């Protein structure tokens, strides 16, 4: 294994580990995004991976918004 860890990428088969419920205790998506997303906005979840922030974005954008 290489000693240079900064250039490592998480393999796709491990992406599910990024969407664990315990992560929400430390990174609450709605709390983090609330200052930036308003009802009716169109927002892009660029590089969404397993979609950890996607559903929170949809709730904040509301029925008239788009993700």
N, C-alpha and C. Protein backbone atom coordinates (compact mmCIF):
# COMPACT_ATOMS: atom_id res chain seq x y z
N UNK A 1 0.84 -1.18 0.00
CA UNK A 1 0.00 0.00 0.00
C UNK A 1 0.89 1.24 0.00
N UNK A 2 0.52 2.18 -0.80
CA UNK A 2 1.29 3.41 -0.95
C UNK A 2 1.17 4.28 0.31
N UNK A 3 2.24 4.99 0.63
CA UNK A 3 2.22 5.90 1.76
C UNK A 3 1.53 7.21 1.43
N UNK A 4 1.26 7.47 0.16
CA UNK A 4 0.62 8.71 -0.26
C UNK A 4 -0.90 8.54 -0.23
N UNK A 5 -1.52 8.90 0.87
CA UNK A 5 -2.96 8.67 1.07
C UNK A 5 -3.82 9.77 0.47
N UNK A 6 -3.27 10.96 0.17
CA UNK A 6 -4.11 12.06 -0.31
C UNK A 6 -4.66 11.83 -1.71
N UNK A 7 -4.10 10.92 -2.49
CA UNK A 7 -4.57 10.66 -3.84
C UNK A 7 -5.46 9.42 -3.92
N UNK A 8 -5.91 8.91 -2.79
CA UNK A 8 -6.75 7.71 -2.80
C UNK A 8 -8.21 8.08 -3.02
N UNK A 9 -8.92 7.21 -3.68
CA UNK A 9 -10.34 7.40 -3.96
C UNK A 9 -11.11 6.24 -3.35
N UNK A 10 -12.26 6.55 -2.77
CA UNK A 10 -13.11 5.52 -2.18
C UNK A 10 -13.75 4.70 -3.31
N UNK A 11 -13.54 3.39 -3.34
CA UNK A 11 -14.15 2.57 -4.39
C UNK A 11 -15.68 2.61 -4.30
N UNK A 12 -16.34 2.50 -5.44
CA UNK A 12 -17.81 2.58 -5.50
C UNK A 12 -18.47 1.54 -4.61
N UNK A 13 -17.87 0.37 -4.47
CA UNK A 13 -18.49 -0.67 -3.64
C UNK A 13 -18.49 -0.31 -2.16
N UNK A 14 -17.76 0.70 -1.75
CA UNK A 14 -17.75 1.15 -0.36
C UNK A 14 -18.57 2.42 -0.15
N UNK A 15 -19.23 2.91 -1.19
CA UNK A 15 -19.98 4.17 -1.12
C UNK A 15 -21.11 4.11 -0.08
N UNK A 16 -21.67 2.95 0.15
CA UNK A 16 -22.74 2.82 1.14
C UNK A 16 -22.32 3.23 2.53
N UNK A 17 -21.04 3.13 2.84
CA UNK A 17 -20.53 3.53 4.15
C UNK A 17 -20.64 5.04 4.35
N UNK A 18 -20.79 5.80 3.26
CA UNK A 18 -20.93 7.25 3.37
C UNK A 18 -22.34 7.66 3.75
N UNK A 19 -23.28 6.72 3.73
CA UNK A 19 -24.68 7.02 4.00
C UNK A 19 -25.18 6.33 5.27
N UNK A 20 -24.35 6.22 6.27
CA UNK A 20 -24.74 5.60 7.53
C UNK A 20 -25.54 6.58 8.38
N UNK A 21 -26.53 6.08 9.09
CA UNK A 21 -27.35 6.94 9.94
C UNK A 21 -26.54 7.64 11.02
N UNK A 22 -25.50 7.00 11.52
CA UNK A 22 -24.69 7.64 12.57
C UNK A 22 -23.98 8.89 12.04
N UNK A 23 -23.73 8.93 10.74
CA UNK A 23 -23.09 10.12 10.15
C UNK A 23 -23.96 11.35 10.34
N UNK A 24 -25.28 11.16 10.35
CA UNK A 24 -26.19 12.29 10.52
C UNK A 24 -26.04 12.97 11.88
N UNK A 25 -25.52 12.27 12.87
CA UNK A 25 -25.27 12.89 14.18
C UNK A 25 -24.18 13.95 14.09
N UNK A 26 -23.24 13.75 13.18
CA UNK A 26 -22.11 14.66 13.04
C UNK A 26 -22.26 15.63 11.86
N UNK A 27 -22.95 15.19 10.83
CA UNK A 27 -23.16 16.00 9.62
C UNK A 27 -24.64 16.01 9.28
N UNK A 28 -25.44 16.79 9.97
CA UNK A 28 -26.88 16.87 9.72
C UNK A 28 -27.10 17.66 8.42
N UNK A 29 -27.50 16.98 7.32
CA UNK A 29 -27.61 17.65 6.03
C UNK A 29 -28.53 18.87 6.05
N UNK A 30 -29.69 18.77 6.69
CA UNK A 30 -30.61 19.91 6.69
C UNK A 30 -30.03 21.09 7.46
N UNK A 31 -29.37 20.84 8.56
CA UNK A 31 -28.77 21.92 9.34
C UNK A 31 -27.65 22.60 8.54
N UNK A 32 -26.85 21.81 7.83
CA UNK A 32 -25.75 22.36 7.05
C UNK A 32 -26.24 23.15 5.83
N UNK A 33 -27.32 22.69 5.20
CA UNK A 33 -27.78 23.30 3.96
C UNK A 33 -28.82 24.41 4.14
N UNK A 34 -29.50 24.43 5.27
CA UNK A 34 -30.60 25.38 5.51
C UNK A 34 -30.23 26.84 5.20
N UNK A 35 -29.03 27.32 5.51
CA UNK A 35 -28.71 28.72 5.20
C UNK A 35 -28.60 29.01 3.70
N UNK A 36 -28.49 27.98 2.88
CA UNK A 36 -28.20 28.17 1.46
C UNK A 36 -29.34 27.82 0.53
N UNK A 37 -30.30 27.01 0.97
CA UNK A 37 -31.37 26.55 0.10
C UNK A 37 -32.70 27.04 0.62
N UNK A 38 -33.47 27.66 -0.27
CA UNK A 38 -34.79 28.20 0.08
C UNK A 38 -35.86 27.51 -0.76
N UNK A 39 -37.08 27.56 -0.28
CA UNK A 39 -38.25 27.03 -0.99
C UNK A 39 -38.27 27.58 -2.42
N UNK A 40 -38.49 26.69 -3.39
CA UNK A 40 -38.63 27.09 -4.78
C UNK A 40 -37.33 27.15 -5.57
N UNK A 41 -36.20 26.97 -4.92
CA UNK A 41 -34.91 27.04 -5.61
C UNK A 41 -34.69 25.79 -6.46
N UNK A 42 -33.85 25.93 -7.49
CA UNK A 42 -33.35 24.80 -8.24
C UNK A 42 -31.92 24.60 -7.79
N UNK A 43 -31.60 23.41 -7.28
CA UNK A 43 -30.27 23.15 -6.74
C UNK A 43 -29.68 21.90 -7.39
N UNK A 44 -28.36 21.83 -7.43
CA UNK A 44 -27.65 20.72 -8.04
C UNK A 44 -26.79 20.04 -6.98
N UNK A 45 -26.94 18.73 -6.86
CA UNK A 45 -26.12 17.95 -5.95
C UNK A 45 -24.99 17.34 -6.78
N UNK A 46 -24.00 18.14 -7.07
CA UNK A 46 -22.88 17.75 -7.93
C UNK A 46 -21.97 16.77 -7.19
N UNK A 47 -21.68 15.65 -7.82
CA UNK A 47 -20.86 14.63 -7.17
C UNK A 47 -21.59 14.02 -5.99
N UNK A 48 -22.84 13.68 -6.17
CA UNK A 48 -23.71 13.29 -5.06
C UNK A 48 -23.37 11.96 -4.41
N UNK A 49 -22.56 11.12 -5.05
CA UNK A 49 -22.25 9.82 -4.46
C UNK A 49 -23.52 9.06 -4.15
N UNK A 50 -23.68 8.54 -2.94
CA UNK A 50 -24.90 7.79 -2.61
C UNK A 50 -26.08 8.70 -2.27
N UNK A 51 -25.93 10.01 -2.38
CA UNK A 51 -27.05 10.93 -2.17
C UNK A 51 -27.29 11.33 -0.73
N UNK A 52 -26.26 11.38 0.08
CA UNK A 52 -26.40 11.72 1.50
C UNK A 52 -27.11 13.06 1.70
N UNK A 53 -26.84 14.05 0.84
CA UNK A 53 -27.43 15.38 0.98
C UNK A 53 -28.66 15.59 0.09
N UNK A 54 -28.91 14.68 -0.87
CA UNK A 54 -29.93 14.89 -1.89
C UNK A 54 -31.33 15.03 -1.31
N UNK A 55 -31.74 14.15 -0.42
CA UNK A 55 -33.10 14.22 0.12
C UNK A 55 -33.30 15.47 0.97
N UNK A 56 -32.29 15.87 1.72
CA UNK A 56 -32.39 17.10 2.50
C UNK A 56 -32.53 18.30 1.57
N UNK A 57 -31.81 18.29 0.46
CA UNK A 57 -31.92 19.37 -0.52
C UNK A 57 -33.34 19.44 -1.07
N UNK A 58 -33.92 18.28 -1.36
CA UNK A 58 -35.29 18.23 -1.90
C UNK A 58 -36.30 18.76 -0.88
N UNK A 59 -36.14 18.38 0.38
CA UNK A 59 -37.07 18.88 1.41
C UNK A 59 -36.95 20.40 1.55
N UNK A 60 -35.73 20.92 1.53
CA UNK A 60 -35.54 22.37 1.69
C UNK A 60 -36.03 23.14 0.46
N UNK A 61 -35.87 22.59 -0.73
CA UNK A 61 -36.34 23.25 -1.95
C UNK A 61 -37.86 23.17 -2.07
N UNK A 62 -38.46 22.20 -1.40
CA UNK A 62 -39.91 22.09 -1.36
C UNK A 62 -40.53 21.61 -2.66
N UNK A 63 -41.86 21.61 -2.68
CA UNK A 63 -42.61 21.11 -3.83
C UNK A 63 -42.44 21.94 -5.08
N UNK A 64 -42.13 23.21 -4.92
CA UNK A 64 -41.96 24.07 -6.10
C UNK A 64 -40.51 24.15 -6.55
N UNK A 65 -39.60 23.52 -5.79
CA UNK A 65 -38.18 23.53 -6.16
C UNK A 65 -37.79 22.29 -6.93
N UNK A 66 -36.54 22.27 -7.38
CA UNK A 66 -36.02 21.12 -8.13
C UNK A 66 -34.62 20.78 -7.65
N UNK A 67 -34.33 19.48 -7.62
CA UNK A 67 -32.99 19.01 -7.31
C UNK A 67 -32.54 18.16 -8.48
